[in-house]
PDB file of all heavy atoms in Angstrom:
ATOM      1  N   ASP A   1     110.862  21.392 154.220  1.00  0.00           N
ATOM      2  CA  ASP A   1     110.419  20.789 155.489  1.00  0.00           C
ATOM      3  C   ASP A   1     111.442  21.176 156.548  1.00  0.00           C
ATOM      4  O   ASP A   1     112.429  21.850 156.232  1.00  0.00           O
ATOM      5  CB  ASP A   1     110.306  19.262 155.344  1.00  0.00           C
ATOM      6  CG  ASP A   1     109.446  18.623 156.437  1.00  0.00           C
ATOM      7  OD1 ASP A   1     108.932  19.358 157.317  1.00  0.00           O
ATOM      8  OD2 ASP A   1     109.285  17.395 156.404  1.00  0.00           O
ATOM      9  N   GLN A   2     111.199  20.714 157.758  1.00  0.00           N
ATOM     10  CA  GLN A   2     112.147  20.975 158.848  1.00  0.00           C
ATOM     11  C   GLN A   2     112.586  19.639 159.453  1.00  0.00           C
ATOM     12  O   GLN A   2     111.770  18.723 159.567  1.00  0.00           O
ATOM     13  CB  GLN A   2     111.487  21.823 159.952  1.00  0.00           C
ATOM     14  CG  GLN A   2     111.288  23.250 159.565  1.00  0.00           C
ATOM     15  CD  GLN A   2     110.685  24.000 160.734  1.00  0.00           C
ATOM     16  OE1 GLN A   2     109.467  24.037 160.874  1.00  0.00           O
ATOM     17  NE2 GLN A   2     111.514  24.650 161.527  1.00  0.00           N
ATOM     18  N   SER A   3     113.823  19.612 159.841  1.00  0.00           N
ATOM     19  CA  SER A   3     114.393  18.395 160.492  1.00  0.00           C
ATOM     20  C   SER A   3     113.639  18.157 161.808  1.00  0.00           C
ATOM     21  O   SER A   3     113.452  19.089 162.590  1.00  0.00           O
ATOM     22  CB  SER A   3     115.876  18.617 160.740  1.00  0.00           C
ATOM     23  OG  SER A   3     116.350  17.632 161.647  1.00  0.00           O
ATOM     24  N   HIS A   4     113.305  16.912 162.051  1.00  0.00           N
ATOM     25  CA  HIS A   4     112.692  16.569 163.315  1.00  0.00           C
ATOM     26  C   HIS A   4     113.710  16.578 164.451  1.00  0.00           C
ATOM     27  O   HIS A   4     113.358  16.672 165.646  1.00  0.00           O
ATOM     28  CB  HIS A   4     112.015  15.192 163.249  1.00  0.00           C
ATOM     29  CG  HIS A   4     110.862  15.192 162.334  1.00  0.00           C
ATOM     30  ND1 HIS A   4     109.649  15.791 162.613  1.00  0.00           N
ATOM     31  CD2 HIS A   4     110.710  14.678 161.093  1.00  0.00           C
ATOM     32  CE1 HIS A   4     108.809  15.640 161.611  1.00  0.00           C
ATOM     33  NE2 HIS A   4     109.434  14.948 160.665  1.00  0.00           N
ATOM     34  N   HIS A   5     114.949  16.554 164.065  1.00  0.00           N
ATOM     35  CA  HIS A   5     116.048  16.533 165.061  1.00  0.00           C
ATOM     36  C   HIS A   5     116.318  17.920 165.642  1.00  0.00           C
ATOM     37  O   HIS A   5     116.339  18.106 166.844  1.00  0.00           O
ATOM     38  CB  HIS A   5     117.319  15.957 164.429  1.00  0.00           C
ATOM     39  CG  HIS A   5     118.519  16.064 165.283  1.00  0.00           C
ATOM     40  ND1 HIS A   5     118.682  15.328 166.469  1.00  0.00           N
ATOM     41  CD2 HIS A   5     119.663  16.806 165.166  1.00  0.00           C
ATOM     42  CE1 HIS A   5     119.852  15.634 167.025  1.00  0.00           C
ATOM     43  NE2 HIS A   5     120.440  16.527 166.259  1.00  0.00           N
ATOM     44  N   ASP A   6     116.545  18.901 164.732  1.00  0.00           N
ATOM     45  CA  ASP A   6     116.900  20.239 165.215  1.00  0.00           C
ATOM     46  C   ASP A   6     116.111  21.386 164.589  1.00  0.00           C
ATOM     47  O   ASP A   6     116.384  22.548 164.862  1.00  0.00           O
ATOM     48  CB  ASP A   6     118.416  20.489 165.024  1.00  0.00           C
ATOM     49  CG  ASP A   6     118.836  20.394 163.550  1.00  0.00           C
ATOM     50  OD1 ASP A   6     117.966  20.245 162.681  1.00  0.00           O
ATOM     51  OD2 ASP A   6     120.057  20.479 163.315  1.00  0.00           O
ATOM     52  N   GLY A   7     115.130  21.075 163.748  1.00  0.00           N
ATOM     53  CA  GLY A   7     114.278  22.106 163.192  1.00  0.00           C
ATOM     54  C   GLY A   7     114.865  22.835 161.995  1.00  0.00           C
ATOM     55  O   GLY A   7     114.197  23.758 161.499  1.00  0.00           O
ATOM     56  N   THR A   8     116.044  22.446 161.540  1.00  0.00           N
ATOM     57  CA  THR A   8     116.640  23.177 160.419  1.00  0.00           C
ATOM     58  C   THR A   8     116.021  22.764 159.091  1.00  0.00           C
ATOM     59  O   THR A   8     115.358  21.717 158.988  1.00  0.00           O
ATOM     60  CB  THR A   8     118.179  22.957 160.382  1.00  0.00           C
ATOM     61  OG1 THR A   8     118.442  21.551 160.275  1.00  0.00           O
ATOM     62  CG2 THR A   8     118.841  23.561 161.574  1.00  0.00           C
ATOM     63  N   VAL A   9     116.233  23.583 158.095  1.00  0.00           N
ATOM     64  CA  VAL A   9     115.630  23.416 156.807  1.00  0.00           C
ATOM     65  C   VAL A   9     116.080  22.150 156.091  1.00  0.00           C
ATOM     66  O   VAL A   9     117.230  21.732 156.163  1.00  0.00           O
ATOM     67  CB  VAL A   9     115.935  24.632 155.901  1.00  0.00           C
ATOM     68  CG1 VAL A   9     117.417  24.786 155.640  1.00  0.00           C
ATOM     69  CG2 VAL A   9     115.167  24.550 154.590  1.00  0.00           C
ATOM     70  N   ILE A  10     115.097  21.526 155.432  1.00  0.00           N
ATOM     71  CA  ILE A  10     115.342  20.379 154.563  1.00  0.00           C
ATOM     72  C   ILE A  10     114.700  20.754 153.228  1.00  0.00           C
ATOM     73  O   ILE A  10     113.521  21.131 153.193  1.00  0.00           O
ATOM     74  CB  ILE A  10     114.714  19.081 155.082  1.00  0.00           C
ATOM     75  CG1 ILE A  10     115.343  18.691 156.409  1.00  0.00           C
ATOM     76  CG2 ILE A  10     114.832  17.967 154.041  1.00  0.00           C
ATOM     77  CD1 ILE A  10     114.652  17.541 157.091  1.00  0.00           C
ATOM     78  N   VAL A  11     115.418  20.626 152.157  1.00  0.00           N
ATOM     79  CA  VAL A  11     114.847  20.891 150.814  1.00  0.00           C
ATOM     80  C   VAL A  11     114.308  19.566 150.288  1.00  0.00           C
ATOM     81  O   VAL A  11     115.055  18.615 150.082  1.00  0.00           O
ATOM     82  CB  VAL A  11     115.893  21.481 149.840  1.00  0.00           C
ATOM     83  CG1 VAL A  11     115.278  21.700 148.479  1.00  0.00           C
ATOM     84  CG2 VAL A  11     116.481  22.776 150.392  1.00  0.00           C
ATOM     85  N   LEU A  12     113.023  19.522 150.087  1.00  0.00           N
ATOM     86  CA  LEU A  12     112.367  18.291 149.560  1.00  0.00           C
ATOM     87  C   LEU A  12     112.491  18.177 148.054  1.00  0.00           C
ATOM     88  O   LEU A  12     112.484  17.063 147.534  1.00  0.00           O
ATOM     89  CB  LEU A  12     110.913  18.298 149.974  1.00  0.00           C
ATOM     90  CG  LEU A  12     110.567  18.352 151.445  1.00  0.00           C
ATOM     91  CD1 LEU A  12     109.079  18.497 151.642  1.00  0.00           C
ATOM     92  CD2 LEU A  12     111.091  17.125 152.137  1.00  0.00           C
ATOM     93  N   ASN A  13     112.529  19.325 147.405  1.00  0.00           N
ATOM     94  CA  ASN A  13     112.572  19.325 145.933  1.00  0.00           C
ATOM     95  C   ASN A  13     113.504  20.450 145.509  1.00  0.00           C
ATOM     96  O   ASN A  13     113.162  21.623 145.585  1.00  0.00           O
ATOM     97  CB  ASN A  13     111.177  19.544 145.372  1.00  0.00           C
ATOM     98  CG  ASN A  13     111.070  19.449 143.867  1.00  0.00           C
ATOM     99  OD1 ASN A  13     112.082  19.317 143.197  1.00  0.00           O
ATOM    100  ND2 ASN A  13     109.845  19.485 143.358  1.00  0.00           N
ATOM    101  N   THR A  14     114.685  20.058 145.021  1.00  0.00           N
ATOM    102  CA  THR A  14     115.691  21.096 144.629  1.00  0.00           C
ATOM    103  C   THR A  14     115.385  21.794 143.323  1.00  0.00           C
ATOM    104  O   THR A  14     115.943  22.833 143.032  1.00  0.00           O
ATOM    105  CB  THR A  14     117.101  20.461 144.552  1.00  0.00           C
ATOM    106  OG1 THR A  14     117.113  19.441 143.575  1.00  0.00           O
ATOM    107  CG2 THR A  14     117.538  19.924 145.917  1.00  0.00           C
ATOM    108  N   GLN A  15     114.475  21.202 142.518  1.00  0.00           N
ATOM    109  CA  GLN A  15     114.105  21.790 141.274  1.00  0.00           C
ATOM    110  C   GLN A  15     112.597  21.759 141.073  1.00  0.00           C
ATOM    111  O   GLN A  15     112.077  21.054 140.206  1.00  0.00           O
ATOM    112  CB  GLN A  15     114.807  21.100 140.099  1.00  0.00           C
ATOM    113  CG  GLN A  15     116.315  21.252 140.149  1.00  0.00           C
ATOM    114  CD  GLN A  15     117.005  20.551 138.967  1.00  0.00           C
ATOM    115  OE1 GLN A  15     116.603  19.507 138.552  1.00  0.00           O
ATOM    116  NE2 GLN A  15     118.029  21.219 138.497  1.00  0.00           N
ATOM    117  N   PRO A  16     111.865  22.541 141.877  1.00  0.00           N
ATOM    118  CA  PRO A  16     110.420  22.510 141.776  1.00  0.00           C
ATOM    119  C   PRO A  16     109.931  23.172 140.495  1.00  0.00           C
ATOM    120  O   PRO A  16     110.648  23.976 139.886  1.00  0.00           O
ATOM    121  CB  PRO A  16     109.960  23.309 143.003  1.00  0.00           C
ATOM    122  CG  PRO A  16     111.106  24.248 143.267  1.00  0.00           C
ATOM    123  CD  PRO A  16     112.341  23.455 142.879  1.00  0.00           C
ATOM    124  N   GLY A  17     108.715  22.840 140.075  1.00  0.00           N
ATOM    125  CA  GLY A  17     108.116  23.424 138.890  1.00  0.00           C
ATOM    126  C   GLY A  17     107.778  24.885 139.111  1.00  0.00           C
ATOM    127  O   GLY A  17     107.788  25.424 140.220  1.00  0.00           O
ATOM    128  N   THR A  18     107.482  25.532 138.009  1.00  0.00           N
ATOM    129  CA  THR A  18     107.150  26.956 138.040  1.00  0.00           C
ATOM    130  C   THR A  18     105.928  27.291 138.888  1.00  0.00           C
ATOM    131  O   THR A  18     105.772  28.399 139.341  1.00  0.00           O
ATOM    132  CB  THR A  18     106.955  27.538 136.640  1.00  0.00           C
ATOM    133  OG1 THR A  18     105.951  26.741 135.960  1.00  0.00           O
ATOM    134  CG2 THR A  18     108.255  27.463 135.843  1.00  0.00           C
ATOM    135  N   GLU A  19     105.054  26.282 139.101  1.00  0.00           N
ATOM    136  CA  GLU A  19     103.869  26.511 139.940  1.00  0.00           C
ATOM    137  C   GLU A  19     104.233  26.807 141.372  1.00  0.00           C
ATOM    138  O   GLU A  19     103.425  27.341 142.129  1.00  0.00           O
ATOM    139  CB  GLU A  19     102.928  25.326 139.852  1.00  0.00           C
ATOM    140  CG  GLU A  19     103.424  24.057 140.506  1.00  0.00           C
ATOM    141  CD  GLU A  19     104.262  23.141 139.613  1.00  0.00           C
ATOM    142  OE1 GLU A  19     104.726  23.600 138.548  1.00  0.00           O
ATOM    143  OE2 GLU A  19     104.505  21.998 140.013  1.00  0.00           O
ATOM    144  N   HIS A  20     105.468  26.515 141.775  1.00  0.00           N
ATOM    145  CA  HIS A  20     105.941  26.770 143.157  1.00  0.00           C
ATOM    146  C   HIS A  20     106.779  28.018 143.257  1.00  0.00           C
ATOM    147  O   HIS A  20     107.216  28.395 144.341  1.00  0.00           O
ATOM    148  CB  HIS A  20     106.717  25.586 143.669  1.00  0.00           C
ATOM    149  CG  HIS A  20     105.955  24.313 143.722  1.00  0.00           C
ATOM    150  ND1 HIS A  20     104.960  24.112 144.659  1.00  0.00           N
ATOM    151  CD2 HIS A  20     106.010  23.166 142.997  1.00  0.00           C
ATOM    152  CE1 HIS A  20     104.420  22.910 144.486  1.00  0.00           C
ATOM    153  NE2 HIS A  20     105.046  22.330 143.476  1.00  0.00           N
ATOM    154  N   GLN A  21     107.033  28.673 142.157  1.00  0.00           N
ATOM    155  CA  GLN A  21     107.992  29.798 142.132  1.00  0.00           C
ATOM    156  C   GLN A  21     107.594  30.927 143.083  1.00  0.00           C
ATOM    157  O   GLN A  21     108.448  31.429 143.830  1.00  0.00           O
ATOM    158  CB  GLN A  21     108.161  30.323 140.700  1.00  0.00           C
ATOM    159  CG  GLN A  21     109.246  31.374 140.620  1.00  0.00           C
ATOM    160  CD  GLN A  21     109.595  31.685 139.153  1.00  0.00           C
ATOM    161  OE1 GLN A  21     109.132  31.061 138.223  1.00  0.00           O
ATOM    162  NE2 GLN A  21     110.450  32.688 139.002  1.00  0.00           N
ATOM    163  N   ALA A  22     106.328  31.316 143.112  1.00  0.00           N
ATOM    164  CA  ALA A  22     105.933  32.436 143.996  1.00  0.00           C
ATOM    165  C   ALA A  22     106.082  32.041 145.448  1.00  0.00           C
ATOM    166  O   ALA A  22     106.555  32.854 146.264  1.00  0.00           O
ATOM    167  CB  ALA A  22     104.482  32.814 143.662  1.00  0.00           C
ATOM    168  N   ASP A  23     105.701  30.834 145.809  1.00  0.00           N
ATOM    169  CA  ASP A  23     105.855  30.402 147.194  1.00  0.00           C
ATOM    170  C   ASP A  23     107.302  30.277 147.626  1.00  0.00           C
ATOM    171  O   ASP A  23     107.658  30.630 148.750  1.00  0.00           O
ATOM    172  CB  ASP A  23     105.135  29.075 147.440  1.00  0.00           C
ATOM    173  CG  ASP A  23     103.629  29.232 147.435  1.00  0.00           C
ATOM    174  OD1 ASP A  23     103.131  30.349 147.693  1.00  0.00           O
ATOM    175  OD2 ASP A  23     102.929  28.205 147.214  1.00  0.00           O
ATOM    176  N   VAL A  24     108.130  29.756 146.722  1.00  0.00           N
ATOM    177  CA  VAL A  24     109.569  29.658 147.012  1.00  0.00           C
ATOM    178  C   VAL A  24     110.192  31.028 147.196  1.00  0.00           C
ATOM    179  O   VAL A  24     110.926  31.278 148.171  1.00  0.00           O
ATOM    180  CB  VAL A  24     110.318  28.872 145.920  1.00  0.00           C
ATOM    181  CG1 VAL A  24     111.812  29.014 146.084  1.00  0.00           C
ATOM    182  CG2 VAL A  24     109.903  27.382 145.947  1.00  0.00           C
ATOM    183  N   GLN A  25     109.840  31.945 146.332  1.00  0.00           N
ATOM    184  CA  GLN A  25     110.391  33.307 146.452  1.00  0.00           C
ATOM    185  C   GLN A  25     109.961  33.962 147.747  1.00  0.00           C
ATOM    186  O   GLN A  25     110.767  34.600 148.423  1.00  0.00           O
ATOM    187  CB  GLN A  25     109.974  34.166 145.266  1.00  0.00           C
ATOM    188  CG  GLN A  25     110.659  35.537 145.231  1.00  0.00           C
ATOM    189  CD  GLN A  25     112.197  35.444 145.122  1.00  0.00           C
ATOM    190  OE1 GLN A  25     112.714  34.608 144.393  1.00  0.00           O
ATOM    191  NE2 GLN A  25     112.875  36.260 145.880  1.00  0.00           N
ATOM    192  N   ALA A  26     108.697  33.754 148.136  1.00  0.00           N
ATOM    193  CA  ALA A  26     108.245  34.295 149.409  1.00  0.00           C
ATOM    194  C   ALA A  26     109.004  33.655 150.580  1.00  0.00           C
ATOM    195  O   ALA A  26     109.380  34.338 151.546  1.00  0.00           O
ATOM    196  CB  ALA A  26     106.720  34.077 149.557  1.00  0.00           C
ATOM    197  N   ALA A  27     109.237  32.350 150.504  1.00  0.00           N
ATOM    198  CA  ALA A  27     109.985  31.687 151.546  1.00  0.00           C
ATOM    199  C   ALA A  27     111.410  32.220 151.682  1.00  0.00           C
ATOM    200  O   ALA A  27     111.929  32.438 152.788  1.00  0.00           O
ATOM    201  CB  ALA A  27     110.025  30.171 151.263  1.00  0.00           C
ATOM    202  N   VAL A  28     112.030  32.476 150.549  1.00  0.00           N
ATOM    203  CA  VAL A  28     113.397  33.065 150.583  1.00  0.00           C
ATOM    204  C   VAL A  28     113.363  34.425 151.223  1.00  0.00           C
ATOM    205  O   VAL A  28     114.209  34.738 152.084  1.00  0.00           O
ATOM    206  CB  VAL A  28     113.951  33.161 149.136  1.00  0.00           C
ATOM    207  CG1 VAL A  28     115.204  34.009 149.085  1.00  0.00           C
ATOM    208  CG2 VAL A  28     114.197  31.767 148.531  1.00  0.00           C
TER     209      VAL A  28
END
């Protein structure tokens, strides 16, 4: 997510499941 204060990154889930791996890699 993004901070409402300054727009910087917020990690909502530091250890997401493998179902998120492709999206996380694309985000990186």
